[in-house]
Amino acid sequence: MKIIIEDLAPGEEETCIIRVKSVSENVSRALNLLKSPDAVTVFSEDGTSYLDTHEIYYIESVDLKTFVYAKTAVYQSRLRLYELEELLVSGDFLRISKQTIVNVPKIREISPAGGGRFTAVLDNGEKVIIARSFVPALKRRFGI
């Protein structure tokens, strides 16, 4: 495969052209990464800010509110969980229960939790439950 990267002239728009005979799984993943947003809008006591997606550990919906968890801070989003899933699932994010989306690279360890569920320990020490109905998607993601 040949990769060409060109510098843009001032005022030119960034463009990505991919020429393939067929769309393989690797090409599909690359496309999804290119489509994923770099940041999401979040809210805290300090006001509104943008949080880089690589800083997000997981996102959770509790009592009709959506919370975005970073390493040591918790933010709120005005988007519903399914809206964030539509934005982020094409990148490193995976739905693991009806109320939780996790950033897969932040998972340090996965272990059985009984009843067909699993527990994921994240890099920051937090534990999240992977619901039984979402385990097959997780196994596919990890190639298990």
C-alpha atoms as a PDB file:
ATOM      1  CA  MET A   1       0.000   0.000   0.000  1.00  0.00           C
ATOM      2  CA  LYS A   2       1.294   3.415  -0.911  1.00  0.00           C
ATOM      3  CA  ILE A   3       0.576   6.370   1.407  1.00  0.00           C
ATOM      4  CA  ILE A   4       0.916   9.943   0.166  1.00  0.00           C
ATOM      5  CA  ILE A   5       0.769  12.962   2.496  1.00  0.00           C
ATOM      6  CA  GLU A   6       0.839  16.411   0.964  1.00  0.00           C
ATOM      7  CA  ASP A   7       1.153  19.828   2.600  1.00  0.00           C
ATOM      8  CA  LEU A   8      -1.765  22.147   1.939  1.00  0.00           C
ATOM      9  CA  ALA A   9      -1.476  25.564   0.404  1.00  0.00           C
ATOM     10  CA  PRO A  10      -3.021  28.367   2.481  1.00  0.00           C
ATOM     11  CA  GLY A  11      -6.803  28.283   2.213  1.00  0.00           C
ATOM     12  CA  GLU A  12      -7.019  24.715   0.900  1.00  0.00           C
ATOM     13  CA  GLU A  13      -9.377  22.287   2.623  1.00  0.00           C
ATOM     14  CA  GLU A  14      -8.070  19.016   4.073  1.00  0.00           C
ATOM     15  CA  THR A  15      -9.107  16.066   1.909  1.00  0.00           C
ATOM     16  CA  CYS A  16      -8.647  12.324   2.255  1.00  0.00           C
ATOM     17  CA  ILE A  17      -8.895  10.112  -0.833  1.00  0.00           C
ATOM     18  CA  ILE A  18      -8.752   6.357  -0.362  1.00  0.00           C
ATOM     19  CA  ARG A  19      -8.446   4.141  -3.436  1.00  0.00           C
ATOM     20  CA  VAL A  20      -9.040   0.447  -2.813  1.00  0.00           C
ATOM     21  CA  LYS A  21     -10.284  -2.581  -4.757  1.00  0.00           C
ATOM     22  CA  SER A  22     -12.597  -3.456  -1.865  1.00  0.00           C
ATOM     23  CA  VAL A  23     -13.259  -2.048   1.596  1.00  0.00           C
ATOM     24  CA  SER A  24     -11.507  -4.355   4.041  1.00  0.00           C
ATOM     25  CA  GLU A  25     -11.991  -4.310   7.800  1.00  0.00           C
ATOM     26  CA  ASN A  26      -8.778  -2.271   8.221  1.00  0.00           C
ATOM     27  CA  VAL A  27      -9.916   0.309   5.660  1.00  0.00           C
ATOM     28  CA  SER A  28     -13.305   0.480   7.341  1.00  0.00           C
ATOM     29  CA  ARG A  29     -11.665   1.121  10.735  1.00  0.00           C
ATOM     30  CA  ALA A  30      -9.489   3.847   9.209  1.00  0.00           C
ATOM     31  CA  LEU A  31     -12.568   5.498   7.712  1.00  0.00           C
ATOM     32  CA  ASN A  32     -14.345   5.365  11.062  1.00  0.00           C
ATOM     33  CA  LEU A  33     -11.374   6.990  12.788  1.00  0.00           C
ATOM     34  CA  LEU A  34     -11.334   9.768  10.205  1.00  0.00           C
ATOM     35  CA  LYS A  35     -15.057  10.389  10.748  1.00  0.00           C
ATOM     36  CA  SER A  36     -14.886  10.455  14.559  1.00  0.00           C
ATOM     37  CA  PRO A  37     -14.926  13.837  16.286  1.00  0.00           C
ATOM     38  CA  ASP A  38     -11.798  14.999  18.095  1.00  0.00           C
ATOM     39  CA  ALA A  39     -13.732  16.498  21.024  1.00  0.00           C
ATOM     40  CA  VAL A  40     -17.174  16.690  22.598  1.00  0.00           C
ATOM     41  CA  THR A  41     -18.815  19.611  24.341  1.00  0.00           C
ATOM     42  CA  VAL A  42     -19.162  19.088  28.087  1.00  0.00           C
ATOM     43  CA  PHE A  43     -20.352  21.140  31.033  1.00  0.00           C
ATOM     44  CA  SER A  44     -19.078  21.468  34.588  1.00  0.00           C
ATOM     45  CA  GLU A  45     -19.311  23.956  37.433  1.00  0.00           C
ATOM     46  CA  ASP A  46     -16.609  25.956  35.644  1.00  0.00           C
ATOM     47  CA  GLY A  47     -18.724  26.297  32.504  1.00  0.00           C
ATOM     48  CA  THR A  48     -18.682  24.858  29.010  1.00  0.00           C
ATOM     49  CA  SER A  49     -15.584  23.277  27.494  1.00  0.00           C
ATOM     50  CA  TYR A  50     -14.413  20.811  24.873  1.00  0.00           C
ATOM     51  CA  LEU A  51     -13.077  17.471  26.070  1.00  0.00           C
ATOM     52  CA  ASP A  52     -10.784  15.564  23.713  1.00  0.00           C
ATOM     53  CA  THR A  53     -12.251  12.150  22.986  1.00  0.00           C
ATOM     54  CA  HIS A  54      -8.983  10.419  23.970  1.00  0.00           C
ATOM     55  CA  GLU A  55      -9.433  11.885  27.488  1.00  0.00           C
ATOM     56  CA  ILE A  56     -12.852  10.225  27.933  1.00  0.00           C
ATOM     57  CA  TYR A  57     -12.862   6.999  29.938  1.00  0.00           C
ATOM     58  CA  TYR A  58     -16.583   6.255  29.750  1.00  0.00           C
ATOM     59  CA  ILE A  59     -19.978   7.869  29.340  1.00  0.00           C
ATOM     60  CA  GLU A  60     -22.968   6.980  31.471  1.00  0.00           C
ATOM     61  CA  SER A  61     -26.651   7.857  31.534  1.00  0.00           C
ATOM     62  CA  VAL A  62     -28.186   8.207  35.004  1.00  0.00           C
ATOM     63  CA  ASP A  63     -31.685   9.579  35.708  1.00  0.00           C
ATOM     64  CA  LEU A  64     -32.027  11.017  32.182  1.00  0.00           C
ATOM     65  CA  LYS A  65     -28.707  12.884  32.520  1.00  0.00           C
ATOM     66  CA  THR A  66     -25.558  12.032  30.579  1.00  0.00           C
ATOM     67  CA  PHE A  67     -22.225  12.094  32.402  1.00  0.00           C
ATOM     68  CA  VAL A  68     -18.807  12.011  30.740  1.00  0.00           C
ATOM     69  CA  TYR A  69     -16.009  10.598  32.907  1.00  0.00           C
ATOM     70  CA  ALA A  70     -12.395  11.646  32.418  1.00  0.00           C
ATOM     71  CA  LYS A  71      -9.409  10.431  34.454  1.00  0.00           C
ATOM     72  CA  THR A  72     -10.216  12.484  37.563  1.00  0.00           C
ATOM     73  CA  ALA A  73     -13.203  14.642  36.588  1.00  0.00           C
ATOM     74  CA  VAL A  74     -16.862  14.153  35.737  1.00  0.00           C
ATOM     75  CA  TYR A  75     -18.667  16.347  33.218  1.00  0.00           C
ATOM     76  CA  GLN A  76     -22.207  16.521  31.958  1.00  0.00           C
ATOM     77  CA  SER A  77     -23.323  16.479  28.333  1.00  0.00           C
ATOM     78  CA  ARG A  78     -26.524  17.892  26.899  1.00  0.00           C
ATOM     79  CA  LEU A  79     -26.540  15.090  24.335  1.00  0.00           C
ATOM     80  CA  ARG A  80     -28.383  11.878  25.093  1.00  0.00           C
ATOM     81  CA  LEU A  81     -26.404   8.670  25.325  1.00  0.00           C
ATOM     82  CA  TYR A  82     -27.578   7.390  21.939  1.00  0.00           C
ATOM     83  CA  GLU A  83     -26.517  10.690  20.307  1.00  0.00           C
ATOM     84  CA  LEU A  84     -23.020  10.390  21.770  1.00  0.00           C
ATOM     85  CA  GLU A  85     -22.931   6.755  20.684  1.00  0.00           C
ATOM     86  CA  GLU A  86     -23.721   7.775  17.103  1.00  0.00           C
ATOM     87  CA  LEU A  87     -20.880  10.308  17.226  1.00  0.00           C
ATOM     88  CA  LEU A  88     -18.278   8.150  18.950  1.00  0.00           C
ATOM     89  CA  VAL A  89     -18.959   4.479  18.303  1.00  0.00           C
ATOM     90  CA  SER A  90     -17.156   4.607  14.965  1.00  0.00           C
ATOM     91  CA  GLY A  91     -13.867   5.297  16.759  1.00  0.00           C
ATOM     92  CA  ASP A  92     -12.573   3.705  19.956  1.00  0.00           C
ATOM     93  CA  PHE A  93     -15.904   3.708  21.803  1.00  0.00           C
ATOM     94  CA  LEU A  94     -18.158   0.721  22.432  1.00  0.00           C
ATOM     95  CA  ARG A  95     -21.585   0.385  24.031  1.00  0.00           C
ATOM     96  CA  ILE A  96     -21.310  -2.048  26.973  1.00  0.00           C
ATOM     97  CA  SER A  97     -24.755  -1.671  28.562  1.00  0.00           C
ATOM     98  CA  LYS A  98     -28.004   0.220  28.085  1.00  0.00           C
ATOM     99  CA  GLN A  99     -26.558   3.079  30.113  1.00  0.00           C
ATOM    100  CA  THR A 100     -22.787   2.963  29.408  1.00  0.00           C
ATOM    101  CA  ILE A 101     -20.326   3.548  26.563  1.00  0.00           C
ATOM    102  CA  VAL A 102     -16.636   2.854  27.199  1.00  0.00           C
ATOM    103  CA  ASN A 103     -13.438   4.075  25.534  1.00  0.00           C
ATOM    104  CA  VAL A 104     -11.901   0.702  24.618  1.00  0.00           C
ATOM    105  CA  PRO A 105      -8.203   1.770  24.811  1.00  0.00           C
ATOM    106  CA  LYS A 106      -8.814   2.813  28.434  1.00  0.00           C
ATOM    107  CA  ILE A 107      -9.673  -0.775  29.436  1.00  0.00           C
ATOM    108  CA  ARG A 108      -6.844  -2.294  31.459  1.00  0.00           C
ATOM    109  CA  GLU A 109      -8.434  -5.616  32.397  1.00  0.00           C
ATOM    110  CA  ILE A 110     -11.612  -7.620  31.803  1.00  0.00           C
ATOM    111  CA  SER A 111     -12.847 -10.364  34.097  1.00  0.00           C
ATOM    112  CA  PRO A 112     -16.045 -12.436  34.477  1.00  0.00           C
ATOM    113  CA  ALA A 113     -18.591 -10.991  36.899  1.00  0.00           C
ATOM    114  CA  GLY A 114     -21.091 -13.860  36.932  1.00  0.00           C
ATOM    115  CA  GLY A 115     -24.409 -14.236  35.196  1.00  0.00           C
ATOM    116  CA  GLY A 116     -22.761 -13.840  31.791  1.00  0.00           C
ATOM    117  CA  ARG A 117     -21.587 -10.322  32.628  1.00  0.00           C
ATOM    118  CA  PHE A 118     -18.031  -9.018  32.760  1.00  0.00           C
ATOM    119  CA  THR A 119     -16.270  -6.286  34.710  1.00  0.00           C
ATOM    120  CA  ALA A 120     -13.858  -3.948  32.955  1.00  0.00           C
ATOM    121  CA  VAL A 121     -11.211  -2.178  35.022  1.00  0.00           C
ATOM    122  CA  LEU A 122     -10.146   1.084  33.399  1.00  0.00           C
ATOM    123  CA  ASP A 123      -6.717   2.740  33.513  1.00  0.00           C
ATOM    124  CA  ASN A 124      -7.918   5.142  36.216  1.00  0.00           C
ATOM    125  CA  GLY A 125      -9.036   2.239  38.462  1.00  0.00           C
ATOM    126  CA  GLU A 126     -12.775   2.661  37.826  1.00  0.00           C
ATOM    127  CA  LYS A 127     -14.823  -0.481  37.226  1.00  0.00           C
ATOM    128  CA  VAL A 128     -17.701  -0.709  34.758  1.00  0.00           C
ATOM    129  CA  ILE A 129     -20.043  -3.633  34.178  1.00  0.00           C
ATOM    130  CA  ILE A 130     -20.379  -5.124  30.704  1.00  0.00           C
ATOM    131  CA  ALA A 131     -23.946  -6.387  30.347  1.00  0.00           C
ATOM    132  CA  ARG A 132     -24.491  -9.930  29.104  1.00  0.00           C
ATOM    133  CA  SER A 133     -26.172  -8.810  25.866  1.00  0.00           C
ATOM    134  CA  PHE A 134     -23.177  -6.582  24.963  1.00  0.00           C
ATOM    135  CA  VAL A 135     -20.454  -9.199  25.616  1.00  0.00           C
ATOM    136  CA  PRO A 136     -20.505 -10.583  22.018  1.00  0.00           C
ATOM    137  CA  ALA A 137     -19.703  -7.116  20.597  1.00  0.00           C
ATOM    138  CA  LEU A 138     -16.859  -6.751  23.095  1.00  0.00           C
ATOM    139  CA  LYS A 139     -15.474 -10.174  22.151  1.00  0.00           C
ATOM    140  CA  ARG A 140     -15.601  -9.251  18.463  1.00  0.00           C
ATOM    141  CA  ARG A 141     -13.789  -6.001  19.217  1.00  0.00           C
ATOM    142  CA  PHE A 142     -11.003  -7.855  21.033  1.00  0.00           C
ATOM    143  CA  GLY A 143     -10.938 -10.737  18.547  1.00  0.00           C
ATOM    144  CA  ILE A 144     -11.923 -13.301  21.168  1.00  0.00           C
END
